[in-house]
N, C-alpha and C. Protein backbone atom coordinates (compact mmCIF):
# COMPACT_ATOMS: atom_id res chain seq x y z
N MET A 1 102.20 126.86 89.56
CA MET A 1 102.82 125.87 90.44
C MET A 1 102.14 124.52 90.23
N ALA A 2 102.89 123.47 90.42
CA ALA A 2 102.36 122.12 90.24
C ALA A 2 102.27 121.39 91.57
N MET A 3 101.32 120.48 91.65
CA MET A 3 101.22 119.60 92.80
C MET A 3 102.41 118.65 92.77
N ASN A 4 102.68 118.03 93.91
CA ASN A 4 103.78 117.10 94.06
C ASN A 4 103.28 115.82 94.71
N MET A 5 103.55 114.68 94.08
CA MET A 5 103.19 113.37 94.61
C MET A 5 104.47 112.72 95.10
N VAL A 6 104.48 112.29 96.37
CA VAL A 6 105.66 111.68 96.97
C VAL A 6 105.33 110.24 97.34
N LEU A 7 106.14 109.30 96.84
CA LEU A 7 105.98 107.89 97.20
C LEU A 7 107.18 107.49 98.04
N TYR A 8 106.90 107.17 99.30
CA TYR A 8 107.92 106.75 100.24
C TYR A 8 108.15 105.24 100.10
N GLU A 9 109.29 104.88 99.55
CA GLU A 9 109.70 103.48 99.39
C GLU A 9 108.63 102.58 98.75
N PRO A 10 108.10 102.96 97.59
CA PRO A 10 107.07 102.13 96.95
C PRO A 10 107.62 100.75 96.61
N GLU A 11 106.74 99.75 96.68
CA GLU A 11 107.17 98.36 96.52
C GLU A 11 106.63 97.68 95.26
N ILE A 12 105.49 98.13 94.75
CA ILE A 12 104.83 97.45 93.65
C ILE A 12 104.91 98.31 92.38
N PRO A 13 105.59 97.80 91.35
CA PRO A 13 105.80 98.64 90.16
C PRO A 13 104.51 99.08 89.47
N ALA A 14 103.49 98.23 89.44
CA ALA A 14 102.24 98.62 88.77
C ALA A 14 101.59 99.82 89.46
N ASN A 15 101.65 99.88 90.78
CA ASN A 15 101.09 101.03 91.50
C ASN A 15 101.84 102.31 91.13
N THR A 16 103.16 102.23 91.13
CA THR A 16 103.95 103.41 90.78
C THR A 16 103.70 103.82 89.33
N GLY A 17 103.56 102.85 88.44
CA GLY A 17 103.24 103.16 87.05
C GLY A 17 101.89 103.85 86.91
N ASN A 18 100.89 103.33 87.62
CA ASN A 18 99.56 103.96 87.59
C ASN A 18 99.60 105.37 88.15
N ILE A 19 100.31 105.55 89.25
CA ILE A 19 100.44 106.88 89.85
C ILE A 19 101.20 107.81 88.89
N GLY A 20 102.22 107.29 88.24
CA GLY A 20 102.95 108.09 87.25
C GLY A 20 102.05 108.56 86.13
N ARG A 21 101.17 107.69 85.66
CA ARG A 21 100.23 108.08 84.61
C ARG A 21 99.28 109.17 85.10
N THR A 22 98.80 109.04 86.33
CA THR A 22 97.94 110.08 86.92
C THR A 22 98.70 111.38 87.04
N CYS A 23 99.96 111.32 87.45
CA CYS A 23 100.77 112.53 87.54
C CYS A 23 100.95 113.18 86.18
N ALA A 24 101.21 112.39 85.15
CA ALA A 24 101.37 112.93 83.80
C ALA A 24 100.08 113.61 83.34
N ALA A 25 98.94 113.00 83.65
CA ALA A 25 97.64 113.54 83.22
C ALA A 25 97.27 114.82 83.95
N THR A 26 97.89 115.06 85.09
CA THR A 26 97.52 116.22 85.91
C THR A 26 98.64 117.26 86.02
N GLY A 27 99.77 117.00 85.39
CA GLY A 27 100.90 117.93 85.50
C GLY A 27 101.53 117.93 86.87
N THR A 28 101.41 116.83 87.58
CA THR A 28 101.94 116.70 88.94
C THR A 28 103.35 116.12 88.90
N ARG A 29 104.23 116.66 89.72
CA ARG A 29 105.59 116.14 89.83
C ARG A 29 105.57 114.86 90.67
N LEU A 30 106.39 113.89 90.32
CA LEU A 30 106.49 112.64 91.05
C LEU A 30 107.84 112.56 91.75
N HIS A 31 107.81 112.30 93.06
CA HIS A 31 109.02 112.18 93.88
C HIS A 31 109.06 110.76 94.42
N LEU A 32 110.17 110.05 94.16
CA LEU A 32 110.32 108.67 94.60
C LEU A 32 111.44 108.58 95.62
N ILE A 33 111.09 108.12 96.82
CA ILE A 33 112.07 107.99 97.90
C ILE A 33 112.51 106.53 97.98
N GLU A 34 113.79 106.31 97.82
CA GLU A 34 114.37 104.96 97.85
C GLU A 34 114.51 104.46 99.28
N PRO A 35 114.64 103.14 99.43
CA PRO A 35 114.78 102.17 98.36
C PRO A 35 113.44 101.84 97.71
N LEU A 36 113.48 101.63 96.39
CA LEU A 36 112.31 101.21 95.64
C LEU A 36 112.28 99.68 95.64
N GLY A 37 111.11 99.11 95.60
CA GLY A 37 110.98 97.66 95.58
C GLY A 37 111.06 97.08 94.18
N PHE A 38 111.58 97.84 93.23
CA PHE A 38 111.61 97.44 91.83
C PHE A 38 112.58 98.35 91.09
N SER A 39 112.85 97.99 89.85
CA SER A 39 113.68 98.81 88.98
C SER A 39 112.75 99.70 88.15
N LEU A 40 113.16 100.91 87.87
CA LEU A 40 112.34 101.81 87.06
C LEU A 40 112.24 101.35 85.61
N SER A 41 113.01 100.35 85.25
CA SER A 41 112.93 99.85 83.88
C SER A 41 112.02 98.63 83.77
N GLN A 42 111.41 98.19 84.87
CA GLN A 42 110.58 96.98 84.83
C GLN A 42 109.38 97.15 83.91
N LYS A 43 109.02 96.07 83.24
CA LYS A 43 107.90 96.07 82.30
C LYS A 43 106.60 96.50 82.94
N GLN A 44 106.31 96.02 84.17
CA GLN A 44 105.04 96.36 84.83
C GLN A 44 104.91 97.87 85.05
N LEU A 45 106.02 98.49 85.41
CA LEU A 45 106.02 99.94 85.62
C LEU A 45 105.70 100.65 84.33
N LYS A 46 106.37 100.29 83.28
CA LYS A 46 106.15 100.93 81.98
C LYS A 46 104.75 100.64 81.46
N ARG A 47 104.27 99.38 81.65
CA ARG A 47 102.95 99.00 81.17
C ARG A 47 101.87 99.83 81.88
N ALA A 48 101.98 99.95 83.19
CA ALA A 48 100.98 100.70 83.95
C ALA A 48 101.04 102.19 83.63
N GLY A 49 102.24 102.72 83.44
CA GLY A 49 102.40 104.13 83.12
C GLY A 49 102.21 104.43 81.65
N MET A 50 102.12 103.36 80.87
CA MET A 50 101.97 103.42 79.42
C MET A 50 103.05 104.32 78.82
N ASP A 51 102.71 105.05 77.82
CA ASP A 51 103.71 105.88 77.16
C ASP A 51 103.86 107.25 77.83
N TYR A 52 103.25 107.42 78.99
CA TYR A 52 103.33 108.70 79.69
C TYR A 52 104.59 108.84 80.53
N TRP A 53 105.28 107.73 80.80
CA TRP A 53 106.40 107.76 81.74
C TRP A 53 107.47 108.77 81.31
N ASN A 54 107.72 108.89 80.01
CA ASN A 54 108.74 109.83 79.54
C ASN A 54 108.32 111.28 79.70
N GLU A 55 107.04 111.55 79.89
CA GLU A 55 106.54 112.91 80.07
C GLU A 55 106.57 113.37 81.52
N LEU A 56 106.91 112.46 82.42
CA LEU A 56 106.88 112.76 83.85
C LEU A 56 108.07 113.59 84.32
N ASP A 57 107.80 114.44 85.29
CA ASP A 57 108.85 115.14 86.01
C ASP A 57 109.10 114.30 87.26
N VAL A 58 110.12 113.43 87.22
CA VAL A 58 110.41 112.49 88.31
C VAL A 58 111.72 112.85 88.99
N THR A 59 111.70 112.89 90.32
CA THR A 59 112.92 113.10 91.10
C THR A 59 113.06 111.93 92.06
N ARG A 60 114.26 111.37 92.11
CA ARG A 60 114.54 110.27 93.03
C ARG A 60 115.39 110.78 94.19
N TYR A 61 115.18 110.17 95.35
CA TYR A 61 115.90 110.54 96.57
C TYR A 61 116.49 109.29 97.19
N LEU A 62 117.64 109.41 97.80
CA LEU A 62 118.30 108.27 98.43
C LEU A 62 117.52 107.74 99.64
N ASN A 63 116.87 108.66 100.38
CA ASN A 63 116.13 108.30 101.58
C ASN A 63 115.30 109.50 102.02
N TRP A 64 114.59 109.35 103.13
CA TRP A 64 113.72 110.41 103.65
C TRP A 64 114.51 111.68 103.98
N GLN A 65 115.69 111.52 104.57
CA GLN A 65 116.51 112.68 104.93
C GLN A 65 116.93 113.45 103.67
N ASP A 66 117.27 112.75 102.61
CA ASP A 66 117.63 113.39 101.35
C ASP A 66 116.44 114.18 100.81
N PHE A 67 115.25 113.58 100.85
CA PHE A 67 114.04 114.27 100.40
C PHE A 67 113.82 115.55 101.20
N CYS A 68 113.89 115.46 102.52
CA CYS A 68 113.65 116.64 103.37
C CYS A 68 114.69 117.73 103.13
N SER A 69 115.94 117.36 102.99
CA SER A 69 116.99 118.37 102.80
C SER A 69 116.88 119.05 101.43
N ARG A 70 116.36 118.36 100.43
CA ARG A 70 116.24 118.93 99.09
C ARG A 70 114.92 119.67 98.87
N ASN A 71 114.01 119.60 99.85
CA ASN A 71 112.71 120.29 99.75
C ASN A 71 112.41 121.05 101.04
N PRO A 72 113.31 121.93 101.47
CA PRO A 72 113.09 122.65 102.72
C PRO A 72 111.85 123.56 102.62
N GLY A 73 111.08 123.59 103.66
CA GLY A 73 109.90 124.45 103.69
C GLY A 73 108.72 123.93 102.90
N ALA A 74 108.82 122.75 102.36
CA ALA A 74 107.71 122.18 101.58
C ALA A 74 106.52 121.92 102.50
N ARG A 75 105.33 122.18 102.00
CA ARG A 75 104.10 121.89 102.75
C ARG A 75 103.71 120.45 102.44
N LEU A 76 103.82 119.58 103.43
CA LEU A 76 103.62 118.15 103.26
C LEU A 76 102.31 117.70 103.90
N TYR A 77 101.57 116.86 103.17
CA TYR A 77 100.36 116.21 103.69
C TYR A 77 100.61 114.71 103.62
N TYR A 78 100.41 114.03 104.73
CA TYR A 78 100.73 112.62 104.84
C TYR A 78 99.44 111.80 104.81
N ALA A 79 99.28 110.98 103.78
CA ALA A 79 98.10 110.13 103.66
C ALA A 79 98.34 108.85 104.46
N THR A 80 97.49 108.62 105.45
CA THR A 80 97.66 107.48 106.33
C THR A 80 96.33 107.04 106.91
N THR A 81 96.17 105.75 107.11
CA THR A 81 94.95 105.23 107.74
C THR A 81 94.91 105.60 109.22
N LYS A 82 96.00 106.12 109.76
CA LYS A 82 96.10 106.44 111.18
C LYS A 82 95.69 107.88 111.52
N ALA A 83 95.42 108.70 110.51
CA ALA A 83 95.12 110.12 110.72
C ALA A 83 93.79 110.32 111.42
N ARG A 84 93.66 111.46 112.08
CA ARG A 84 92.42 111.82 112.79
C ARG A 84 91.46 112.63 111.93
N GLN A 85 91.93 113.16 110.80
CA GLN A 85 91.06 113.98 109.95
C GLN A 85 91.01 113.43 108.54
N ALA A 86 89.90 113.71 107.88
CA ALA A 86 89.71 113.24 106.50
C ALA A 86 90.50 114.12 105.53
N TYR A 87 90.81 113.56 104.38
CA TYR A 87 91.55 114.28 103.34
C TYR A 87 90.78 115.49 102.83
N THR A 88 89.48 115.54 103.04
CA THR A 88 88.66 116.68 102.60
C THR A 88 88.62 117.79 103.65
N ASP A 89 89.21 117.57 104.82
CA ASP A 89 89.15 118.54 105.92
C ASP A 89 90.28 119.55 105.92
N VAL A 90 91.21 119.45 105.00
CA VAL A 90 92.35 120.38 104.97
C VAL A 90 92.32 121.18 103.67
N HIS A 91 93.06 122.29 103.67
CA HIS A 91 93.21 123.10 102.44
C HIS A 91 94.58 122.82 101.85
N TYR A 92 94.61 122.38 100.60
CA TYR A 92 95.85 122.05 99.91
C TYR A 92 96.34 123.25 99.09
N GLU A 93 97.56 123.64 99.32
CA GLU A 93 98.18 124.71 98.56
C GLU A 93 98.52 124.20 97.15
N PRO A 94 98.60 125.11 96.16
CA PRO A 94 98.84 124.70 94.77
C PRO A 94 100.14 123.92 94.54
N ASP A 95 101.13 124.11 95.39
CA ASP A 95 102.42 123.43 95.21
C ASP A 95 102.76 122.50 96.36
N CYS A 96 101.74 122.00 97.04
CA CYS A 96 101.98 121.13 98.19
C CYS A 96 102.47 119.75 97.77
N PHE A 97 102.92 118.99 98.74
CA PHE A 97 103.43 117.64 98.54
C PHE A 97 102.49 116.65 99.23
N LEU A 98 102.00 115.67 98.47
CA LEU A 98 101.13 114.63 99.00
C LEU A 98 101.98 113.38 99.19
N VAL A 99 102.15 112.94 100.42
CA VAL A 99 103.07 111.85 100.74
C VAL A 99 102.30 110.57 101.00
N PHE A 100 102.71 109.50 100.33
CA PHE A 100 102.10 108.18 100.48
C PHE A 100 103.18 107.18 100.83
N GLY A 101 102.88 106.27 101.74
CA GLY A 101 103.85 105.29 102.18
C GLY A 101 103.86 104.03 101.36
N LYS A 102 104.79 103.16 101.69
CA LYS A 102 104.90 101.89 100.96
C LYS A 102 103.69 101.01 101.23
N GLU A 103 103.40 100.15 100.26
CA GLU A 103 102.19 99.34 100.30
C GLU A 103 102.10 98.45 101.53
N SER A 104 103.19 97.90 102.01
CA SER A 104 103.13 96.95 103.12
C SER A 104 103.06 97.58 104.50
N ALA A 105 103.50 98.83 104.63
CA ALA A 105 103.59 99.41 105.98
C ALA A 105 103.19 100.88 106.08
N GLY A 106 102.96 101.55 104.97
CA GLY A 106 102.61 102.97 105.02
C GLY A 106 103.82 103.84 105.34
N ILE A 107 103.52 105.02 105.84
CA ILE A 107 104.56 105.97 106.25
C ILE A 107 104.95 105.63 107.69
N PRO A 108 106.24 105.59 108.00
CA PRO A 108 106.64 105.26 109.37
C PRO A 108 106.01 106.20 110.41
N GLU A 109 105.57 105.61 111.52
CA GLU A 109 104.95 106.41 112.58
C GLU A 109 105.90 107.46 113.14
N GLU A 110 107.22 107.22 113.05
CA GLU A 110 108.20 108.21 113.52
C GLU A 110 108.11 109.50 112.71
N ILE A 111 107.68 109.40 111.48
CA ILE A 111 107.47 110.60 110.65
C ILE A 111 106.10 111.19 110.95
N LEU A 112 105.07 110.35 111.01
CA LEU A 112 103.70 110.82 111.22
C LEU A 112 103.54 111.58 112.53
N ILE A 113 104.13 111.08 113.60
CA ILE A 113 103.91 111.65 114.93
C ILE A 113 104.35 113.11 115.02
N ARG A 114 105.26 113.51 114.15
CA ARG A 114 105.74 114.90 114.15
C ARG A 114 104.84 115.85 113.36
N HIS A 115 103.81 115.30 112.68
CA HIS A 115 102.98 116.12 111.79
C HIS A 115 101.49 115.80 111.92
N PRO A 116 100.93 115.79 113.12
CA PRO A 116 99.53 115.37 113.27
C PRO A 116 98.53 116.24 112.52
N ASP A 117 98.82 117.52 112.35
CA ASP A 117 97.87 118.43 111.71
C ASP A 117 97.82 118.29 110.19
N THR A 118 98.82 117.63 109.61
CA THR A 118 98.82 117.46 108.16
C THR A 118 98.75 115.98 107.76
N CYS A 119 98.35 115.14 108.70
CA CYS A 119 98.06 113.74 108.38
C CYS A 119 96.59 113.65 107.99
N VAL A 120 96.31 112.99 106.88
CA VAL A 120 94.93 112.88 106.39
C VAL A 120 94.61 111.43 106.06
N ARG A 121 93.33 111.10 106.17
CA ARG A 121 92.89 109.74 105.86
C ARG A 121 91.71 109.76 104.91
N ILE A 122 91.55 108.66 104.20
CA ILE A 122 90.39 108.46 103.35
C ILE A 122 89.42 107.59 104.14
N PRO A 123 88.22 108.08 104.45
CA PRO A 123 87.27 107.26 105.22
C PRO A 123 86.92 105.97 104.47
N MET A 124 86.81 104.89 105.22
CA MET A 124 86.42 103.60 104.64
C MET A 124 85.84 102.72 105.74
N ALA A 125 85.26 101.61 105.36
CA ALA A 125 84.65 100.70 106.32
C ALA A 125 85.69 100.24 107.34
N ALA A 126 85.23 100.05 108.57
CA ALA A 126 86.12 99.72 109.68
C ALA A 126 86.94 98.46 109.46
N GLN A 127 86.38 97.47 108.80
CA GLN A 127 87.09 96.20 108.62
C GLN A 127 88.10 96.24 107.47
N THR A 128 88.16 97.36 106.73
CA THR A 128 89.08 97.48 105.60
C THR A 128 90.42 98.02 106.10
N ARG A 129 91.50 97.33 105.76
CA ARG A 129 92.83 97.74 106.22
C ARG A 129 93.30 98.99 105.48
N SER A 130 93.15 98.99 104.14
CA SER A 130 93.59 100.16 103.36
C SER A 130 93.11 100.01 101.93
N LEU A 131 93.20 101.09 101.19
CA LEU A 131 92.90 101.09 99.76
C LEU A 131 94.19 100.79 98.98
N ASN A 132 94.04 100.43 97.72
CA ASN A 132 95.19 100.28 96.84
C ASN A 132 95.90 101.63 96.76
N LEU A 133 97.22 101.61 96.76
CA LEU A 133 98.02 102.84 96.77
C LEU A 133 97.68 103.77 95.61
N SER A 134 97.58 103.23 94.40
CA SER A 134 97.31 104.11 93.26
C SER A 134 95.92 104.72 93.33
N ASN A 135 94.96 103.98 93.87
CA ASN A 135 93.61 104.54 94.04
C ASN A 135 93.61 105.64 95.09
N ALA A 136 94.27 105.40 96.21
CA ALA A 136 94.34 106.40 97.29
C ALA A 136 95.03 107.67 96.80
N ALA A 137 96.12 107.50 96.06
CA ALA A 137 96.85 108.66 95.55
C ALA A 137 95.97 109.49 94.63
N ALA A 138 95.21 108.83 93.76
CA ALA A 138 94.33 109.56 92.83
C ALA A 138 93.23 110.29 93.59
N ILE A 139 92.65 109.65 94.59
CA ILE A 139 91.58 110.29 95.37
C ILE A 139 92.06 111.57 96.02
N VAL A 140 93.18 111.52 96.71
CA VAL A 140 93.68 112.69 97.43
C VAL A 140 94.18 113.75 96.45
N LEU A 141 94.88 113.34 95.40
CA LEU A 141 95.37 114.31 94.42
C LEU A 141 94.22 115.07 93.77
N TYR A 142 93.18 114.38 93.37
CA TYR A 142 92.07 115.07 92.71
C TYR A 142 91.31 115.99 93.66
N GLU A 143 91.28 115.69 94.93
CA GLU A 143 90.70 116.64 95.89
C GLU A 143 91.56 117.89 95.98
N ALA A 144 92.87 117.72 96.04
CA ALA A 144 93.77 118.88 96.08
C ALA A 144 93.64 119.71 94.81
N LEU A 145 93.55 119.04 93.66
CA LEU A 145 93.37 119.75 92.40
C LEU A 145 92.02 120.47 92.35
N ARG A 146 90.98 119.81 92.82
CA ARG A 146 89.64 120.43 92.85
C ARG A 146 89.67 121.70 93.69
N GLN A 147 90.30 121.62 94.86
CA GLN A 147 90.37 122.80 95.73
C GLN A 147 91.11 123.95 95.07
N ASN A 148 91.98 123.64 94.12
CA ASN A 148 92.73 124.67 93.40
C ASN A 148 92.16 124.90 92.00
N CYS A 149 90.87 124.62 91.83
CA CYS A 149 90.12 124.87 90.60
C CYS A 149 90.73 124.20 89.37
N PHE A 150 91.38 123.06 89.57
CA PHE A 150 91.99 122.31 88.46
C PHE A 150 92.86 123.23 87.60
N ALA A 151 93.63 124.09 88.27
CA ALA A 151 94.47 125.08 87.57
C ALA A 151 95.35 124.42 86.52
N GLY A 152 95.32 124.98 85.32
CA GLY A 152 96.15 124.52 84.22
C GLY A 152 95.69 123.24 83.54
N MET A 153 94.52 122.73 83.93
CA MET A 153 94.03 121.48 83.37
C MET A 153 92.90 121.72 82.39
N GLU A 154 92.75 120.82 81.45
CA GLU A 154 91.64 120.86 80.48
C GLU A 154 90.33 120.69 81.26
N GLN A 155 89.41 121.58 81.04
CA GLN A 155 88.15 121.55 81.79
C GLN A 155 86.98 120.97 80.99
N GLU A 156 87.13 120.90 79.68
CA GLU A 156 86.01 120.45 78.85
C GLU A 156 86.49 119.42 77.84
N GLY A 157 85.76 118.33 77.73
CA GLY A 157 86.11 117.28 76.78
C GLY A 157 85.48 117.52 75.42
N GLN A 158 86.02 116.87 74.41
CA GLN A 158 85.51 116.98 73.05
C GLN A 158 85.15 115.60 72.53
N LEU A 159 84.03 115.51 71.85
CA LEU A 159 83.66 114.26 71.19
C LEU A 159 84.56 114.07 69.97
N HIS A 160 84.76 112.82 69.56
CA HIS A 160 85.62 112.54 68.41
C HIS A 160 84.89 112.70 67.07
N ARG A 161 83.68 112.14 66.98
CA ARG A 161 82.97 112.14 65.69
C ARG A 161 81.81 113.14 65.65
N LEU A 162 81.22 113.41 66.77
CA LEU A 162 80.04 114.28 66.82
C LEU A 162 80.35 115.54 67.60
N SER A 163 79.38 116.43 67.65
CA SER A 163 79.50 117.66 68.42
C SER A 163 78.45 117.64 69.52
N TRP A 164 78.78 118.24 70.65
CA TRP A 164 77.82 118.31 71.77
C TRP A 164 76.58 119.13 71.35
N ASP A 165 76.71 119.95 70.33
CA ASP A 165 75.61 120.79 69.88
C ASP A 165 74.60 120.02 69.00
N GLU A 166 75.00 118.85 68.50
CA GLU A 166 74.11 118.04 67.65
C GLU A 166 73.10 117.29 68.50
N GLN A 167 71.94 117.09 67.95
CA GLN A 167 70.90 116.29 68.62
C GLN A 167 71.10 114.83 68.28
N GLY A 168 70.91 113.91 69.26
CA GLY A 168 71.13 112.49 69.04
C GLY A 168 70.00 111.77 68.43
């Protein structure tokens, strides 16, 4: 099973491109809930996602209701600065959905209020409003992947010219 990254009405193409690249690198599905603040063909999106964009498993939805109706029973975790618990305080299932809101406003409180037990936050200094969306998405995704032992991912890197067994 693969993790699922959900972007609720993303506004900045570079953030979505960066998140897309992270999804490609981790085998995570990307779900985009419209309206989007950009076209999927924009240069910034492609530049940030580099050549990985074509490798992505991307699903688009007309709106939140469309997303919910097409993913019944999905285990959703909502990343928000308003949550009472840290992102490290919950257990992420291997096929769960990590939901992130739009850059200017986050996830609507009308959605959050119905799911207090699965709202999570990234701790930060009190005077900080929020982290960059692509950074926040990577932080929470990698915690979920870590909890699932990085299933299906490369665990060991290889040097290009030398071997780890050689002395320097």
